[in-house]
All heavy atoms as atom14 arrays in JSON, in Angstrom:
{
  "sequence": "DDELWRGWANDRATTLKPDAFTTERLPLDPTDRAARWALVALALAH",
  "atom14_mask": [
    [1, 1, 1, 1, 1, 1, 1, 1, 0, 0, 0, 0, 0, 0],
    [1, 1, 1, 1, 1, 1, 1, 1, 0, 0, 0, 0, 0, 0],
    [1, 1, 1, 1, 1, 1, 1, 1, 1, 0, 0, 0, 0, 0],
    [1, 1, 1, 1, 1, 1, 1, 1, 0, 0, 0, 0, 0, 0],
    [1, 1, 1, 1, 1, 1, 1, 1, 1, 1, 1, 1, 1, 1],
    [1, 1, 1, 1, 1, 1, 1, 1, 1, 1, 1, 0, 0, 0],
    [1, 1, 1, 1, 0, 0, 0, 0, 0, 0, 0, 0, 0, 0],
    [1, 1, 1, 1, 1, 1, 1, 1, 1, 1, 1, 1, 1, 1],
    [1, 1, 1, 1, 1, 0, 0, 0, 0, 0, 0, 0, 0, 0],
    [1, 1, 1, 1, 1, 1, 1, 1, 0, 0, 0, 0, 0, 0],
    [1, 1, 1, 1, 1, 1, 1, 1, 0, 0, 0, 0, 0, 0],
    [1, 1, 1, 1, 1, 1, 1, 1, 1, 1, 1, 0, 0, 0],
    [1, 1, 1, 1, 1, 0, 0, 0, 0, 0, 0, 0, 0, 0],
    [1, 1, 1, 1, 1, 1, 1, 0, 0, 0, 0, 0, 0, 0],
    [1, 1, 1, 1, 1, 1, 1, 0, 0, 0, 0, 0, 0, 0],
    [1, 1, 1, 1, 1, 1, 1, 1, 0, 0, 0, 0, 0, 0],
    [1, 1, 1, 1, 1, 1, 1, 1, 1, 0, 0, 0, 0, 0],
    [1, 1, 1, 1, 1, 1, 1, 0, 0, 0, 0, 0, 0, 0],
    [1, 1, 1, 1, 1, 1, 1, 1, 0, 0, 0, 0, 0, 0],
    [1, 1, 1, 1, 1, 0, 0, 0, 0, 0, 0, 0, 0, 0],
    [1, 1, 1, 1, 1, 1, 1, 1, 1, 1, 1, 0, 0, 0],
    [1, 1, 1, 1, 1, 1, 1, 0, 0, 0, 0, 0, 0, 0],
    [1, 1, 1, 1, 1, 1, 1, 0, 0, 0, 0, 0, 0, 0],
    [1, 1, 1, 1, 1, 1, 1, 1, 1, 0, 0, 0, 0, 0],
    [1, 1, 1, 1, 1, 1, 1, 1, 1, 1, 1, 0, 0, 0],
    [1, 1, 1, 1, 1, 1, 1, 1, 0, 0, 0, 0, 0, 0],
    [1, 1, 1, 1, 1, 1, 1, 0, 0, 0, 0, 0, 0, 0],
    [1, 1, 1, 1, 1, 1, 1, 1, 0, 0, 0, 0, 0, 0],
    [1, 1, 1, 1, 1, 1, 1, 1, 0, 0, 0, 0, 0, 0],
    [1, 1, 1, 1, 1, 1, 1, 0, 0, 0, 0, 0, 0, 0],
    [1, 1, 1, 1, 1, 1, 1, 0, 0, 0, 0, 0, 0, 0],
    [1, 1, 1, 1, 1, 1, 1, 1, 0, 0, 0, 0, 0, 0],
    [1, 1, 1, 1, 1, 1, 1, 1, 1, 1, 1, 0, 0, 0],
    [1, 1, 1, 1, 1, 0, 0, 0, 0, 0, 0, 0, 0, 0],
    [1, 1, 1, 1, 1, 0, 0, 0, 0, 0, 0, 0, 0, 0],
    [1, 1, 1, 1, 1, 1, 1, 1, 1, 1, 1, 0, 0, 0],
    [1, 1, 1, 1, 1, 1, 1, 1, 1, 1, 1, 1, 1, 1],
    [1, 1, 1, 1, 1, 0, 0, 0, 0, 0, 0, 0, 0, 0],
    [1, 1, 1, 1, 1, 1, 1, 1, 0, 0, 0, 0, 0, 0],
    [1, 1, 1, 1, 1, 1, 1, 0, 0, 0, 0, 0, 0, 0],
    [1, 1, 1, 1, 1, 0, 0, 0, 0, 0, 0, 0, 0, 0],
    [1, 1, 1, 1, 1, 1, 1, 1, 0, 0, 0, 0, 0, 0],
    [1, 1, 1, 1, 1, 0, 0, 0, 0, 0, 0, 0, 0, 0],
    [1, 1, 1, 1, 1, 1, 1, 1, 0, 0, 0, 0, 0, 0],
    [1, 1, 1, 1, 1, 0, 0, 0, 0, 0, 0, 0, 0, 0],
    [1, 1, 1, 1, 1, 1, 1, 1, 1, 1, 0, 0, 0, 0]
  ],
  "atom14_positions": [
    [[0.82, -1.21, 0.0], [0.0, 0.0, 0.0], [0.87, 1.27, 0.0], [0.35, 2.38, 0.07], [-0.99, 0.01, 1.16], [-0.31, -0.03, 2.52], [0.92, -0.23, 2.61], [-1.03, 0.12, 3.53], [0.0, 0.0, 0.0], [0.0, 0.0, 0.0], [0.0, 0.0, 0.0], [0.0, 0.0, 0.0], [0.0, 0.0, 0.0], [0.0, 0.0, 0.0]],
    [[2.2, 1.11, -0.12], [3.1, 2.26, -0.21], [2.84, 3.0, -1.52], [2.43, 2.42, -2.53], [4.55, 1.78, -0.18], [5.53, 2.93, -0.1], [5.84, 3.37, 1.02], [5.97, 3.41, -1.17], [0.0, 0.0, 0.0], [0.0, 0.0, 0.0], [0.0, 0.0, 0.0], [0.0, 0.0, 0.0], [0.0, 0.0, 0.0], [0.0, 0.0, 0.0]],
    [[3.1, 4.31, -1.5], [2.89, 5.17, -2.65], [3.61, 4.64, -3.91], [3.12, 4.81, -5.02], [3.38, 6.59, -2.32], [3.24, 7.58, -3.44], [1.79, 7.91, -3.77], [0.95, 7.86, -2.86], [1.52, 8.22, -4.94], [0.0, 0.0, 0.0], [0.0, 0.0, 0.0], [0.0, 0.0, 0.0], [0.0, 0.0, 0.0], [0.0, 0.0, 0.0]],
    [[4.77, 4.02, -3.72], [5.53, 3.52, -4.87], [4.71, 2.57, -5.74], [4.82, 2.58, -6.96], [6.8, 2.79, -4.4], [7.61, 2.13, -5.52], [8.36, 3.19, -6.32], [8.57, 1.11, -4.98], [0.0, 0.0, 0.0], [0.0, 0.0, 0.0], [0.0, 0.0, 0.0], [0.0, 0.0, 0.0], [0.0, 0.0, 0.0], [0.0, 0.0, 0.0]],
    [[3.86, 1.76, -5.12], [3.12, 0.74, -5.86], [1.87, 1.26, -6.54], [1.3, 0.6, -7.4], [2.76, -0.42, -4.92], [3.98, -1.08, -4.34], [4.37, -1.02, -3.04], [4.95, -1.85, -5.02], [5.53, -1.72, -2.87], [5.91, -2.24, -4.08], [5.11, -2.26, -6.35], [7.0, -3.02, -4.41], [6.21, -3.03, -6.68], [7.14, -3.41, -5.71]],
    [[1.42, 2.46, -6.17], [0.17, 2.99, -6.76], [0.36, 3.32, -8.24], [1.33, 3.91, -8.65], [-0.27, 4.24, -6.0], [-0.72, 3.88, -4.61], [-1.56, 4.99, -3.97], [-1.84, 4.58, -2.61], [-1.29, 5.13, -1.55], [-0.47, 6.14, -1.66], [-1.57, 4.68, -0.34], [0.0, 0.0, 0.0], [0.0, 0.0, 0.0], [0.0, 0.0, 0.0]],
    [[-0.6, 2.93, -9.02], [-0.59, 3.25, -10.45], [0.13, 2.24, -11.32], [0.14, 2.38, -12.54], [0.0, 0.0, 0.0], [0.0, 0.0, 0.0], [0.0, 0.0, 0.0], [0.0, 0.0, 0.0], [0.0, 0.0, 0.0], [0.0, 0.0, 0.0], [0.0, 0.0, 0.0], [0.0, 0.0, 0.0], [0.0, 0.0, 0.0], [0.0, 0.0, 0.0]],
    [[0.75, 1.22, -10.73], [1.42, 0.2, -11.52], [0.47, -0.97, -11.76], [-0.39, -1.25, -10.94], [2.68, -0.31, -10.81], [3.74, 0.72, -10.66], [4.03, 1.43, -9.53], [4.65, 1.19, -11.66], [5.07, 2.29, -9.76], [5.46, 2.17, -11.06], [4.85, 0.88, -13.0], [6.47, 2.83, -11.76], [5.86, 1.54, -13.69], [6.65, 2.5, -13.07]],
    [[0.67, -1.66, -12.84], [-0.19, -2.79, -13.19], [0.06, -4.01, -12.29], [-0.81, -4.85, -12.16], [0.01, -3.18, -14.65], [0.0, 0.0, 0.0], [0.0, 0.0, 0.0], [0.0, 0.0, 0.0], [0.0, 0.0, 0.0], [0.0, 0.0, 0.0], [0.0, 0.0, 0.0], [0.0, 0.0, 0.0], [0.0, 0.0, 0.0], [0.0, 0.0, 0.0]],
    [[1.24, -4.09, -11.7], [1.54, -5.24, -10.84], [2.39, -4.78, -9.66], [2.82, -3.63, -9.62], [2.25, -6.35, -11.63], [3.58, -5.89, -12.19], [4.42, -5.36, -11.47], [3.78, -6.08, -13.49], [0.0, 0.0, 0.0], [0.0, 0.0, 0.0], [0.0, 0.0, 0.0], [0.0, 0.0, 0.0], [0.0, 0.0, 0.0], [0.0, 0.0, 0.0]],
    [[2.62, -5.69, -8.76], [3.42, -5.32, -7.58], [4.77, -6.05, -7.58], [5.24, -6.49, -6.56], [2.63, -5.59, -6.29], [2.28, -7.05, -6.1], [2.55, -7.87, -7.01], [1.74, -7.38, -5.04], [0.0, 0.0, 0.0], [0.0, 0.0, 0.0], [0.0, 0.0, 0.0], [0.0, 0.0, 0.0], [0.0, 0.0, 0.0], [0.0, 0.0, 0.0]],
    [[5.35, -6.16, -8.74], [6.69, -6.76, -8.86], [7.68, -5.66, -9.22], [7.36, -4.7, -9.91], [6.68, -7.84, -9.93], [5.86, -9.06, -9.52], [5.99, -10.17, -10.54], [5.59, -9.77, -11.88], [4.35, -9.84, -12.36], [3.38, -10.28, -11.59], [4.09, -9.46, -13.59], [0.0, 0.0, 0.0], [0.0, 0.0, 0.0], [0.0, 0.0, 0.0]],
    [[8.91, -5.84, -8.76], [9.95, -4.85, -9.04], [10.5, -5.05, -10.45], [11.21, -6.0, -10.71], [11.07, -4.96, -8.01], [0.0, 0.0, 0.0], [0.0, 0.0, 0.0], [0.0, 0.0, 0.0], [0.0, 0.0, 0.0], [0.0, 0.0, 0.0], [0.0, 0.0, 0.0], [0.0, 0.0, 0.0], [0.0, 0.0, 0.0], [0.0, 0.0, 0.0]],
    [[10.12, -4.17, -11.35], [10.7, -4.13, -12.68], [11.74, -3.01, -12.67], [11.88, -2.32, -11.67], [9.62, -3.83, -13.73], [9.06, -2.55, -13.44], [8.52, -4.88, -13.71], [0.0, 0.0, 0.0], [0.0, 0.0, 0.0], [0.0, 0.0, 0.0], [0.0, 0.0, 0.0], [0.0, 0.0, 0.0], [0.0, 0.0, 0.0], [0.0, 0.0, 0.0]],
    [[12.45, -2.79, -13.76], [13.47, -1.74, -13.74], [12.87, -0.36, -13.6], [13.55, 0.56, -13.15], [14.35, -1.78, -15.0], [13.53, -1.62, -16.15], [15.16, -3.05, -15.06], [0.0, 0.0, 0.0], [0.0, 0.0, 0.0], [0.0, 0.0, 0.0], [0.0, 0.0, 0.0], [0.0, 0.0, 0.0], [0.0, 0.0, 0.0], [0.0, 0.0, 0.0]],
    [[11.61, -0.16, -13.93], [11.0, 1.16, -13.79], [10.72, 1.52, -12.33], [10.86, 2.67, -11.93], [9.72, 1.25, -14.61], [9.91, 1.12, -16.12], [8.56, 1.11, -16.81], [10.79, 2.22, -16.65], [0.0, 0.0, 0.0], [0.0, 0.0, 0.0], [0.0, 0.0, 0.0], [0.0, 0.0, 0.0], [0.0, 0.0, 0.0], [0.0, 0.0, 0.0]],
    [[10.31, 0.54, -11.55], [9.99, 0.84, -10.14], [11.24, 1.2, -9.33], [11.23, 2.21, -8.62], [9.23, -0.32, -9.53], [7.83, -0.44, -10.1], [7.12, -1.67, -9.61], [5.84, -1.85, -10.4], [5.78, -3.12, -11.07], [0.0, 0.0, 0.0], [0.0, 0.0, 0.0], [0.0, 0.0, 0.0], [0.0, 0.0, 0.0], [0.0, 0.0, 0.0]],
    [[12.33, 0.43, -9.42], [13.53, 0.86, -8.69], [14.05, 2.21, -9.18], [14.59, 2.98, -8.41], [14.54, -0.25, -8.97], [13.69, -1.44, -9.24], [12.48, -0.91, -9.96], [0.0, 0.0, 0.0], [0.0, 0.0, 0.0], [0.0, 0.0, 0.0], [0.0, 0.0, 0.0], [0.0, 0.0, 0.0], [0.0, 0.0, 0.0], [0.0, 0.0, 0.0]],
    [[13.88, 2.5, -10.46], [14.31, 3.79, -10.99], [13.56, 4.91, -10.26], [14.15, 5.87, -9.77], [14.06, 3.85, -12.49], [14.76, 5.03, -13.16], [15.6, 5.67, -12.52], [14.44, 5.28, -14.33], [0.0, 0.0, 0.0], [0.0, 0.0, 0.0], [0.0, 0.0, 0.0], [0.0, 0.0, 0.0], [0.0, 0.0, 0.0], [0.0, 0.0, 0.0]],
    [[12.25, 4.78, -10.14], [11.44, 5.79, -9.44], [11.8, 5.83, -7.96], [11.97, 6.91, -7.37], [9.96, 5.48, -9.62], [0.0, 0.0, 0.0], [0.0, 0.0, 0.0], [0.0, 0.0, 0.0], [0.0, 0.0, 0.0], [0.0, 0.0, 0.0], [0.0, 0.0, 0.0], [0.0, 0.0, 0.0], [0.0, 0.0, 0.0], [0.0, 0.0, 0.0]],
    [[11.94, 4.68, -7.35], [12.27, 4.55, -5.93], [13.61, 5.23, -5.62], [13.73, 6.04, -4.7], [12.33, 3.06, -5.57], [12.74, 2.75, -4.17], [11.87, 2.97, -3.11], [13.97, 2.2, -3.9], [12.23, 2.66, -1.81], [14.35, 1.88, -2.61], [13.48, 2.11, -1.57], [0.0, 0.0, 0.0], [0.0, 0.0, 0.0], [0.0, 0.0, 0.0]],
    [[14.62, 4.94, -6.43], [15.96, 5.47, -6.19], [16.06, 6.95, -6.54], [16.72, 7.71, -5.84], [16.99, 4.66, -7.0], [16.82, 3.28, -6.69], [18.4, 5.05, -6.65], [0.0, 0.0, 0.0], [0.0, 0.0, 0.0], [0.0, 0.0, 0.0], [0.0, 0.0, 0.0], [0.0, 0.0, 0.0], [0.0, 0.0, 0.0], [0.0, 0.0, 0.0]],
    [[15.38, 7.36, -7.59], [15.39, 8.77, -7.98], [14.79, 9.63, -6.87], [15.26, 10.74, -6.61], [14.61, 8.97, -9.29], [15.27, 8.22, -10.31], [14.56, 10.42, -9.7], [0.0, 0.0, 0.0], [0.0, 0.0, 0.0], [0.0, 0.0, 0.0], [0.0, 0.0, 0.0], [0.0, 0.0, 0.0], [0.0, 0.0, 0.0], [0.0, 0.0, 0.0]],
    [[13.78, 9.13, -6.18], [13.19, 9.86, -5.06], [14.09, 9.82, -3.83], [14.12, 10.76, -3.04], [11.82, 9.29, -4.73], [10.78, 9.57, -5.79], [9.45, 8.91, -5.5], [9.26, 8.39, -4.37], [8.6, 8.92, -6.4], [0.0, 0.0, 0.0], [0.0, 0.0, 0.0], [0.0, 0.0, 0.0], [0.0, 0.0, 0.0], [0.0, 0.0, 0.0]],
    [[14.82, 8.73, -3.65], [15.63, 8.54, -2.45], [16.93, 9.32, -2.49], [17.38, 9.84, -1.46], [15.93, 7.05, -2.28], [16.36, 6.71, -0.88], [16.57, 5.24, -0.7], [17.9, 4.91, -1.17], [18.2, 3.82, -1.83], [17.29, 2.96, -2.14], [19.43, 3.58, -2.21], [0.0, 0.0, 0.0], [0.0, 0.0, 0.0], [0.0, 0.0, 0.0]],
    [[17.57, 9.42, -3.64], [18.88, 10.06, -3.72], [18.89, 11.51, -3.22], [19.8, 11.88, -2.49], [19.44, 9.96, -5.14], [20.89, 10.4, -5.3], [21.81, 9.56, -4.42], [21.31, 10.29, -6.75], [0.0, 0.0, 0.0], [0.0, 0.0, 0.0], [0.0, 0.0, 0.0], [0.0, 0.0, 0.0], [0.0, 0.0, 0.0], [0.0, 0.0, 0.0]],
    [[17.91, 12.34, -3.56], [17.94, 13.71, -3.02], [17.84, 13.76, -1.49], [18.33, 14.71, -0.87], [16.72, 14.38, -3.65], [16.44, 13.59, -4.87], [16.84, 12.17, -4.54], [0.0, 0.0, 0.0], [0.0, 0.0, 0.0], [0.0, 0.0, 0.0], [0.0, 0.0, 0.0], [0.0, 0.0, 0.0], [0.0, 0.0, 0.0], [0.0, 0.0, 0.0]],
    [[17.25, 12.75, -0.89], [17.16, 12.71, 0.57], [18.5, 12.42, 1.21], [18.77, 12.82, 2.33], [16.12, 11.67, 1.01], [14.7, 11.91, 0.52], [13.81, 10.73, 0.91], [14.15, 13.22, 1.05], [0.0, 0.0, 0.0], [0.0, 0.0, 0.0], [0.0, 0.0, 0.0], [0.0, 0.0, 0.0], [0.0, 0.0, 0.0], [0.0, 0.0, 0.0]],
    [[19.34, 11.67, 0.49], [20.69, 11.36, 0.97], [21.65, 11.37, -0.22], [21.92, 10.33, -0.81], [20.73, 10.0, 1.67], [22.11, 9.66, 2.2], [23.03, 10.52, 2.11], [22.3, 8.54, 2.7], [0.0, 0.0, 0.0], [0.0, 0.0, 0.0], [0.0, 0.0, 0.0], [0.0, 0.0, 0.0], [0.0, 0.0, 0.0], [0.0, 0.0, 0.0]],
    [[22.17, 12.54, -0.58], [23.06, 12.64, -1.73], [24.35, 11.82, -1.6], [25.04, 11.6, -2.57], [23.38, 14.13, -1.81], [22.3, 14.81, -1.06], [21.87, 13.84, 0.0], [0.0, 0.0, 0.0], [0.0, 0.0, 0.0], [0.0, 0.0, 0.0], [0.0, 0.0, 0.0], [0.0, 0.0, 0.0], [0.0, 0.0, 0.0], [0.0, 0.0, 0.0]],
    [[24.65, 11.36, -0.38], [25.86, 10.54, -0.19], [25.59, 9.06, -0.41], [26.5, 8.25, -0.27], [26.44, 10.75, 1.23], [25.5, 10.25, 2.19], [26.75, 12.21, 1.49], [0.0, 0.0, 0.0], [0.0, 0.0, 0.0], [0.0, 0.0, 0.0], [0.0, 0.0, 0.0], [0.0, 0.0, 0.0], [0.0, 0.0, 0.0], [0.0, 0.0, 0.0]],
    [[24.37, 8.7, -0.75], [24.0, 7.3, -0.95], [24.65, 6.77, -2.23], [24.13, 6.9, -3.33], [22.48, 7.17, -1.03], [22.01, 5.73, -1.03], [22.8, 4.84, -1.41], [20.85, 5.5, -0.66], [0.0, 0.0, 0.0], [0.0, 0.0, 0.0], [0.0, 0.0, 0.0], [0.0, 0.0, 0.0], [0.0, 0.0, 0.0], [0.0, 0.0, 0.0]],
    [[25.83, 6.19, -2.06], [26.63, 5.72, -3.2], [25.92, 4.6, -3.97], [25.96, 4.55, -5.2], [27.97, 5.24, -2.68], [28.98, 4.98, -3.74], [30.37, 4.79, -3.11], [31.36, 4.77, -4.16], [31.85, 3.66, -4.66], [31.46, 2.5, -4.21], [32.75, 3.72, -5.63], [0.0, 0.0, 0.0], [0.0, 0.0, 0.0], [0.0, 0.0, 0.0]],
    [[25.26, 3.7, -3.26], [24.57, 2.59, -3.93], [23.44, 3.11, -4.82], [23.27, 2.64, -5.95], [24.03, 1.61, -2.89], [0.0, 0.0, 0.0], [0.0, 0.0, 0.0], [0.0, 0.0, 0.0], [0.0, 0.0, 0.0], [0.0, 0.0, 0.0], [0.0, 0.0, 0.0], [0.0, 0.0, 0.0], [0.0, 0.0, 0.0], [0.0, 0.0, 0.0]],
    [[22.7, 4.08, -4.32], [21.62, 4.65, -5.11], [22.18, 5.32, -6.36], [21.64, 5.17, -7.46], [20.82, 5.66, -4.28], [0.0, 0.0, 0.0], [0.0, 0.0, 0.0], [0.0, 0.0, 0.0], [0.0, 0.0, 0.0], [0.0, 0.0, 0.0], [0.0, 0.0, 0.0], [0.0, 0.0, 0.0], [0.0, 0.0, 0.0], [0.0, 0.0, 0.0]],
    [[23.25, 6.05, -6.2], [23.86, 6.74, -7.33], [24.31, 5.74, -8.4], [24.03, 5.9, -9.58], [25.05, 7.56, -6.83], [25.64, 8.49, -7.85], [26.66, 9.42, -7.21], [26.12, 10.2, -6.11], [25.33, 11.25, -6.25], [24.98, 11.66, -7.43], [24.89, 11.91, -5.2], [0.0, 0.0, 0.0], [0.0, 0.0, 0.0], [0.0, 0.0, 0.0]],
    [[25.01, 4.68, -7.99], [25.48, 3.69, -8.95], [24.33, 2.91, -9.58], [24.38, 2.54, -10.76], [26.49, 2.75, -8.31], [27.86, 3.35, -8.3], [28.47, 4.0, -7.26], [28.78, 3.4, -9.39], [29.71, 4.44, -7.64], [29.93, 4.08, -8.93], [28.75, 2.93, -10.69], [31.03, 4.29, -9.75], [29.86, 3.15, -11.51], [30.97, 3.82, -11.03]],
    [[23.29, 2.66, -8.82], [22.12, 1.98, -9.38], [21.48, 2.83, -10.47], [21.07, 2.32, -11.52], [21.11, 1.66, -8.29], [0.0, 0.0, 0.0], [0.0, 0.0, 0.0], [0.0, 0.0, 0.0], [0.0, 0.0, 0.0], [0.0, 0.0, 0.0], [0.0, 0.0, 0.0], [0.0, 0.0, 0.0], [0.0, 0.0, 0.0], [0.0, 0.0, 0.0]],
    [[21.41, 4.14, -10.25], [20.84, 5.02, -11.27], [21.73, 5.08, -12.51], [21.22, 5.17, -13.63], [20.62, 6.42, -10.7], [19.45, 6.54, -9.72], [19.41, 7.92, -9.08], [18.13, 6.23, -10.42], [0.0, 0.0, 0.0], [0.0, 0.0, 0.0], [0.0, 0.0, 0.0], [0.0, 0.0, 0.0], [0.0, 0.0, 0.0], [0.0, 0.0, 0.0]],
    [[23.03, 4.99, -12.33], [23.93, 4.92, -13.49], [23.66, 3.64, -14.27], [23.53, 3.65, -15.5], [25.41, 5.0, -13.06], [26.34, 4.69, -14.22], [25.72, 6.38, -12.48], [0.0, 0.0, 0.0], [0.0, 0.0, 0.0], [0.0, 0.0, 0.0], [0.0, 0.0, 0.0], [0.0, 0.0, 0.0], [0.0, 0.0, 0.0], [0.0, 0.0, 0.0]],
    [[23.54, 2.52, -13.56], [23.25, 1.25, -14.23], [21.92, 1.3, -14.97], [21.82, 0.83, -16.11], [23.24, 0.11, -13.2], [0.0, 0.0, 0.0], [0.0, 0.0, 0.0], [0.0, 0.0, 0.0], [0.0, 0.0, 0.0], [0.0, 0.0, 0.0], [0.0, 0.0, 0.0], [0.0, 0.0, 0.0], [0.0, 0.0, 0.0], [0.0, 0.0, 0.0]],
    [[20.91, 1.88, -14.35], [19.6, 1.99, -15.01], [19.68, 2.92, -16.22], [19.06, 2.66, -17.25], [18.55, 2.48, -14.01], [18.14, 1.44, -12.97], [17.39, 2.11, -11.82], [17.31, 0.34, -13.61], [0.0, 0.0, 0.0], [0.0, 0.0, 0.0], [0.0, 0.0, 0.0], [0.0, 0.0, 0.0], [0.0, 0.0, 0.0], [0.0, 0.0, 0.0]],
    [[20.44, 4.0, -16.1], [20.59, 4.91, -17.24], [21.25, 4.19, -18.41], [20.83, 4.33, -19.57], [21.41, 6.14, -16.83], [0.0, 0.0, 0.0], [0.0, 0.0, 0.0], [0.0, 0.0, 0.0], [0.0, 0.0, 0.0], [0.0, 0.0, 0.0], [0.0, 0.0, 0.0], [0.0, 0.0, 0.0], [0.0, 0.0, 0.0], [0.0, 0.0, 0.0]],
    [[22.27, 3.4, -18.12], [22.93, 2.62, -19.18], [21.96, 1.61, -19.79], [21.88, 1.47, -21.0], [24.16, 1.9, -18.62], [25.36, 2.78, -18.33], [26.4, 1.99, -17.54], [25.94, 3.34, -19.61], [0.0, 0.0, 0.0], [0.0, 0.0, 0.0], [0.0, 0.0, 0.0], [0.0, 0.0, 0.0], [0.0, 0.0, 0.0], [0.0, 0.0, 0.0]],
    [[21.21, 0.94, -18.93], [20.25, -0.07, -19.42], [19.16, 0.55, -20.27], [18.68, -0.05, -21.22], [19.63, -0.81, -18.24], [0.0, 0.0, 0.0], [0.0, 0.0, 0.0], [0.0, 0.0, 0.0], [0.0, 0.0, 0.0], [0.0, 0.0, 0.0], [0.0, 0.0, 0.0], [0.0, 0.0, 0.0], [0.0, 0.0, 0.0], [0.0, 0.0, 0.0]],
    [[18.77, 1.77, -19.93], [17.7, 2.45, -20.66], [18.21, 3.28, -21.84], [17.44, 3.96, -22.49], [16.88, 3.33, -19.72], [16.13, 2.53, -18.71], [15.79, 3.03, -17.47], [15.63, 1.27, -18.73], [15.14, 2.12, -16.78], [15.04, 1.05, -17.52], [0.0, 0.0, 0.0], [0.0, 0.0, 0.0], [0.0, 0.0, 0.0], [0.0, 0.0, 0.0]]
  ]
}
């Protein structure tokens, strides 16, 4: 019932959901190295 899942057709983590999740999380903690690298990986994949 978390906001992240609203509006999606399913409740499985596809590459679009972590992209949204991480994009929202990184500004809250700009030092989050894992989030930053995950977004780089997603950018490359997309």
